[in-house]
C-alpha atoms as a PDB file:
ATOM      1  CA  MET A   1     -13.832  53.545 -21.041  1.00  0.00           C
ATOM      2  CA  LYS A   2     -18.071  53.872 -20.754  1.00  0.00           C
ATOM      3  CA  HIS A   3     -17.807  57.473 -22.160  1.00  0.00           C
ATOM      4  CA  PRO A   4     -16.657  56.990 -25.185  1.00  0.00           C
ATOM      5  CA  ILE A   5     -18.416  54.101 -26.090  1.00  0.00           C
ATOM      6  CA  SER A   6     -21.575  56.181 -24.519  1.00  0.00           C
ATOM      7  CA  ILE A   7     -20.868  59.310 -26.685  1.00  0.00           C
ATOM      8  CA  LEU A   8     -20.198  57.221 -29.735  1.00  0.00           C
ATOM      9  CA  GLY A   9     -23.523  55.491 -29.153  1.00  0.00           C
ATOM     10  CA  ALA A  10     -25.449  58.974 -28.671  1.00  0.00           C
ATOM     11  CA  VAL A  11     -23.879  60.534 -32.042  1.00  0.00           C
ATOM     12  CA  LEU A  12     -24.849  57.650 -34.208  1.00  0.00           C
ATOM     13  CA  LEU A  13     -28.705  58.472 -32.535  1.00  0.00           C
ATOM     14  CA  ALA A  14     -28.604  61.635 -33.150  1.00  0.00           C
ATOM     15  CA  ALA A  15     -27.394  61.240 -37.108  1.00  0.00           C
ATOM     16  CA  SER A  16     -29.602  58.496 -37.289  1.00  0.00           C
ATOM     17  CA  THR A  17     -32.549  60.961 -36.459  1.00  0.00           C
ATOM     18  CA  ALA A  18     -31.399  64.003 -38.691  1.00  0.00           C
ATOM     19  CA  LEU A  19     -31.047  61.478 -41.969  1.00  0.00           C
ATOM     20  CA  HIS A  20     -34.746  59.936 -41.382  1.00  0.00           C
ATOM     21  CA  ALA A  21     -36.202  63.487 -40.745  1.00  0.00           C
ATOM     22  CA  GLN A  22     -34.825  64.305 -44.152  1.00  0.00           C
ATOM     23  CA  ALA A  23     -37.770  64.086 -47.390  1.00  0.00           C
ATOM     24  CA  PRO A  24     -37.043  62.379 -49.726  1.00  0.00           C
ATOM     25  CA  GLN A  25     -37.073  64.401 -53.068  1.00  0.00           C
ATOM     26  CA  GLY A  26     -39.020  63.607 -56.603  1.00  0.00           C
ATOM     27  CA  GLY A  27     -40.785  60.731 -54.245  1.00  0.00           C
ATOM     28  CA  PRO A  28     -43.637  59.067 -56.472  1.00  0.00           C
ATOM     29  CA  ALA A  29     -46.263  61.368 -56.237  1.00  0.00           C
ATOM     30  CA  ALA A  30     -43.996  63.848 -58.119  1.00  0.00           C
ATOM     31  CA  LYS A  31     -43.376  61.056 -60.984  1.00  0.00           C
ATOM     32  CA  GLN A  32     -46.853  60.641 -60.921  1.00  0.00           C
ATOM     33  CA  ARG A  33     -47.825  64.525 -61.914  1.00  0.00           C
ATOM     34  CA  ALA A  34     -45.292  64.345 -64.299  1.00  0.00           C
ATOM     35  CA  GLN A  35     -46.412  61.292 -65.865  1.00  0.00           C
ATOM     36  CA  ARG A  36     -49.870  62.645 -65.932  1.00  0.00           C
ATOM     37  CA  PHE A  37     -49.036  65.477 -68.345  1.00  0.00           C
ATOM     38  CA  ASP A  38     -46.676  64.205 -70.813  1.00  0.00           C
ATOM     39  CA  CYS A  39     -46.669  66.360 -73.547  1.00  0.00           C
ATOM     40  CA  SER A  40     -44.380  64.297 -75.879  1.00  0.00           C
ATOM     41  CA  LYS A  41     -47.768  61.826 -76.356  1.00  0.00           C
ATOM     42  CA  ALA A  42     -49.888  64.618 -77.150  1.00  0.00           C
ATOM     43  CA  LYS A  43     -51.179  64.838 -80.290  1.00  0.00           C
ATOM     44  CA  ASP A  44     -50.244  68.474 -80.514  1.00  0.00           C
ATOM     45  CA  PRO A  45     -46.734  68.509 -78.223  1.00  0.00           C
ATOM     46  CA  LYS A  46     -46.680  72.339 -78.614  1.00  0.00           C
ATOM     47  CA  ALA A  47     -50.292  73.035 -78.092  1.00  0.00           C
ATOM     48  CA  CYS A  48     -49.839  71.139 -74.476  1.00  0.00           C
ATOM     49  CA  GLU A  49     -47.038  72.870 -73.482  1.00  0.00           C
ATOM     50  CA  GLU A  50     -48.737  76.309 -73.923  1.00  0.00           C
ATOM     51  CA  ARG A  51     -51.811  75.298 -72.141  1.00  0.00           C
ATOM     52  CA  LEU A  52     -49.596  73.920 -69.049  1.00  0.00           C
ATOM     53  CA  ALA A  53     -47.723  76.872 -68.824  1.00  0.00           C
ATOM     54  CA  LYS A  54     -51.093  78.744 -69.331  1.00  0.00           C
ATOM     55  CA  ALA A  55     -52.381  76.700 -66.178  1.00  0.00           C
ATOM     56  CA  LYS A  56     -49.190  77.002 -63.851  1.00  0.00           C
ATOM     57  CA  ALA A  57     -48.930  81.271 -64.427  1.00  0.00           C
ATOM     58  CA  ALA A  58     -53.222  81.071 -63.609  1.00  0.00           C
ATOM     59  CA  ARG A  59     -52.418  79.057 -60.691  1.00  0.00           C
ATOM     60  CA  ASP A  60     -48.932  81.427 -59.358  1.00  0.00           C
ATOM     61  CA  LYS A  61     -50.844  84.335 -59.668  1.00  0.00           C
ATOM     62  CA  ALA A  62     -53.828  83.238 -57.573  1.00  0.00           C
ATOM     63  CA  ARG A  63     -51.303  82.083 -55.013  1.00  0.00           C
ATOM     64  CA  GLN A  64     -50.206  85.213 -55.170  1.00  0.00           C
ATOM     65  CA  ALA A  65     -53.439  86.987 -54.717  1.00  0.00           C
ATOM     66  CA  CYS A  66     -54.636  84.492 -52.114  1.00  0.00           C
ATOM     67  CA  GLU A  67     -51.514  84.594 -49.929  1.00  0.00           C
ATOM     68  CA  GLY A  68     -51.574  84.690 -45.838  1.00  0.00           C
ATOM     69  CA  LYS A  69     -55.341  83.296 -46.466  1.00  0.00           C
ATOM     70  CA  GLN A  70     -55.556  79.311 -44.715  1.00  0.00           C
ATOM     71  CA  GLY A  71     -58.220  76.619 -44.626  1.00  0.00           C
ATOM     72  CA  ASP A  72     -61.270  77.152 -46.010  1.00  0.00           C
ATOM     73  CA  GLU A  73     -60.709  80.796 -46.770  1.00  0.00           C
ATOM     74  CA  ARG A  74     -58.165  79.677 -49.132  1.00  0.00           C
ATOM     75  CA  ARG A  75     -59.535  77.305 -50.714  1.00  0.00           C
ATOM     76  CA  ALA A  76     -62.829  79.781 -52.079  1.00  0.00           C
ATOM     77  CA  CYS A  77     -59.966  82.396 -52.990  1.00  0.00           C
ATOM     78  CA  MET A  78     -58.160  80.098 -55.216  1.00  0.00           C
ATOM     79  CA  GLN A  79     -61.235  78.720 -56.996  1.00  0.00           C
ATOM     80  CA  LYS A  80     -62.389  82.071 -57.343  1.00  0.00           C
ATOM     81  CA  GLU A  81     -59.161  83.150 -58.898  1.00  0.00           C
ATOM     82  CA  VAL A  82     -58.395  80.319 -61.418  1.00  0.00           C
ATOM     83  CA  CYS A  83     -62.365  80.241 -61.993  1.00  0.00           C
ATOM     84  CA  ALA A  84     -61.455  83.951 -63.050  1.00  0.00           C
ATOM     85  CA  GLN A  85     -59.155  83.277 -65.469  1.00  0.00           C
ATOM     86  CA  ALA A  86     -60.500  80.527 -66.992  1.00  0.00           C
ATOM     87  CA  LYS A  87     -62.132  80.352 -70.488  1.00  0.00           C
ATOM     88  CA  ASP A  88     -65.682  79.785 -69.276  1.00  0.00           C
ATOM     89  CA  PRO A  89     -65.848  80.831 -65.760  1.00  0.00           C
ATOM     90  CA  ALA A  90     -69.296  79.607 -64.944  1.00  0.00           C
ATOM     91  CA  GLN A  91     -68.336  75.782 -65.921  1.00  0.00           C
ATOM     92  CA  CYS A  92     -65.285  76.731 -64.124  1.00  0.00           C
ATOM     93  CA  GLU A  93     -67.081  77.155 -60.912  1.00  0.00           C
ATOM     94  CA  ALA A  94     -69.702  74.645 -61.433  1.00  0.00           C
ATOM     95  CA  ARG A  95     -66.879  72.013 -61.769  1.00  0.00           C
ATOM     96  CA  ALA A  96     -65.486  73.257 -58.256  1.00  0.00           C
ATOM     97  CA  LYS A  97     -68.764  72.857 -56.416  1.00  0.00           C
ATOM     98  CA  GLU A  98     -69.087  69.810 -57.724  1.00  0.00           C
ATOM     99  CA  LEU A  99     -65.082  68.598 -56.451  1.00  0.00           C
ATOM    100  CA  ALA A 100     -66.111  70.474 -53.374  1.00  0.00           C
ATOM    101  CA  ALA A 101     -69.540  68.581 -52.851  1.00  0.00           C
ATOM    102  CA  ARG A 102     -67.635  65.191 -53.815  1.00  0.00           C
ATOM    103  CA  ARG A 103     -64.939  66.133 -51.667  1.00  0.00           C
ATOM    104  CA  GLU A 104     -67.135  66.693 -48.384  1.00  0.00           C
ATOM    105  CA  GLN A 105     -68.874  62.978 -49.246  1.00  0.00           C
ATOM    106  CA  VAL A 106     -65.235  61.288 -48.998  1.00  0.00           C
ATOM    107  CA  ARG A 107     -64.289  63.267 -45.476  1.00  0.00           C
ATOM    108  CA  GLU A 108     -67.618  62.383 -44.338  1.00  0.00           C
ATOM    109  CA  ALA A 109     -67.691  58.846 -44.701  1.00  0.00           C
ATOM    110  CA  CYS A 110     -64.088  58.251 -43.574  1.00  0.00           C
ATOM    111  CA  LYS A 111     -64.468  60.630 -40.606  1.00  0.00           C
ATOM    112  CA  GLY A 112     -62.712  58.834 -37.402  1.00  0.00           C
ATOM    113  CA  LYS A 113     -60.138  56.758 -39.896  1.00  0.00           C
ATOM    114  CA  GLN A 114     -56.616  57.273 -39.856  1.00  0.00           C
ATOM    115  CA  GLY A 115     -53.201  55.684 -40.881  1.00  0.00           C
ATOM    116  CA  GLU A 116     -54.122  52.453 -43.532  1.00  0.00           C
ATOM    117  CA  GLU A 117     -57.599  52.908 -43.248  1.00  0.00           C
ATOM    118  CA  LEU A 118     -58.260  56.350 -43.842  1.00  0.00           C
ATOM    119  CA  ARG A 119     -56.314  56.051 -46.970  1.00  0.00           C
ATOM    120  CA  SER A 120     -58.026  52.653 -47.825  1.00  0.00           C
ATOM    121  CA  CYS A 121     -61.501  54.362 -47.360  1.00  0.00           C
ATOM    122  CA  VAL A 122     -60.358  57.560 -49.154  1.00  0.00           C
ATOM    123  CA  ARG A 123     -59.192  55.167 -52.241  1.00  0.00           C
ATOM    124  CA  GLU A 124     -62.769  53.064 -51.903  1.00  0.00           C
ATOM    125  CA  GLN A 125     -64.760  56.080 -52.423  1.00  0.00           C
ATOM    126  CA  ARG A 126     -62.955  57.757 -55.092  1.00  0.00           C
ATOM    127  CA  GLN A 127     -63.671  54.841 -56.969  1.00  0.00           C
ATOM    128  CA  LYS A 128     -67.511  55.019 -56.172  1.00  0.00           C
ATOM    129  CA  LYS A 129     -67.597  57.864 -58.707  1.00  0.00           C
END
């Protein structure tokens, strides 16, 4: 009689493992991104939608151009491609360099931390702007 119970236990364990491995669809981060660019609240919703579509097209084009690259090489490639399509490429490059320097400062300040301690450190560093 032990075999049916142990088999049942193994099946339940396998099923629960598979359920935990599934990623949630549209979590809080996805909601936050959607709320960040809500064109319905803009002065000119149509112009807002056009800007978002143009930015998405630029990102997609940059992703295609940088396909196969990873890490810092990919980041630099994406920066170059997106800024090349910007209205003011020089200003875009300057802003990108500023953000890269800020990212490096946060990385240095939070070096060696993990989990909640790391998240807390990053939050603090971002608020220091």
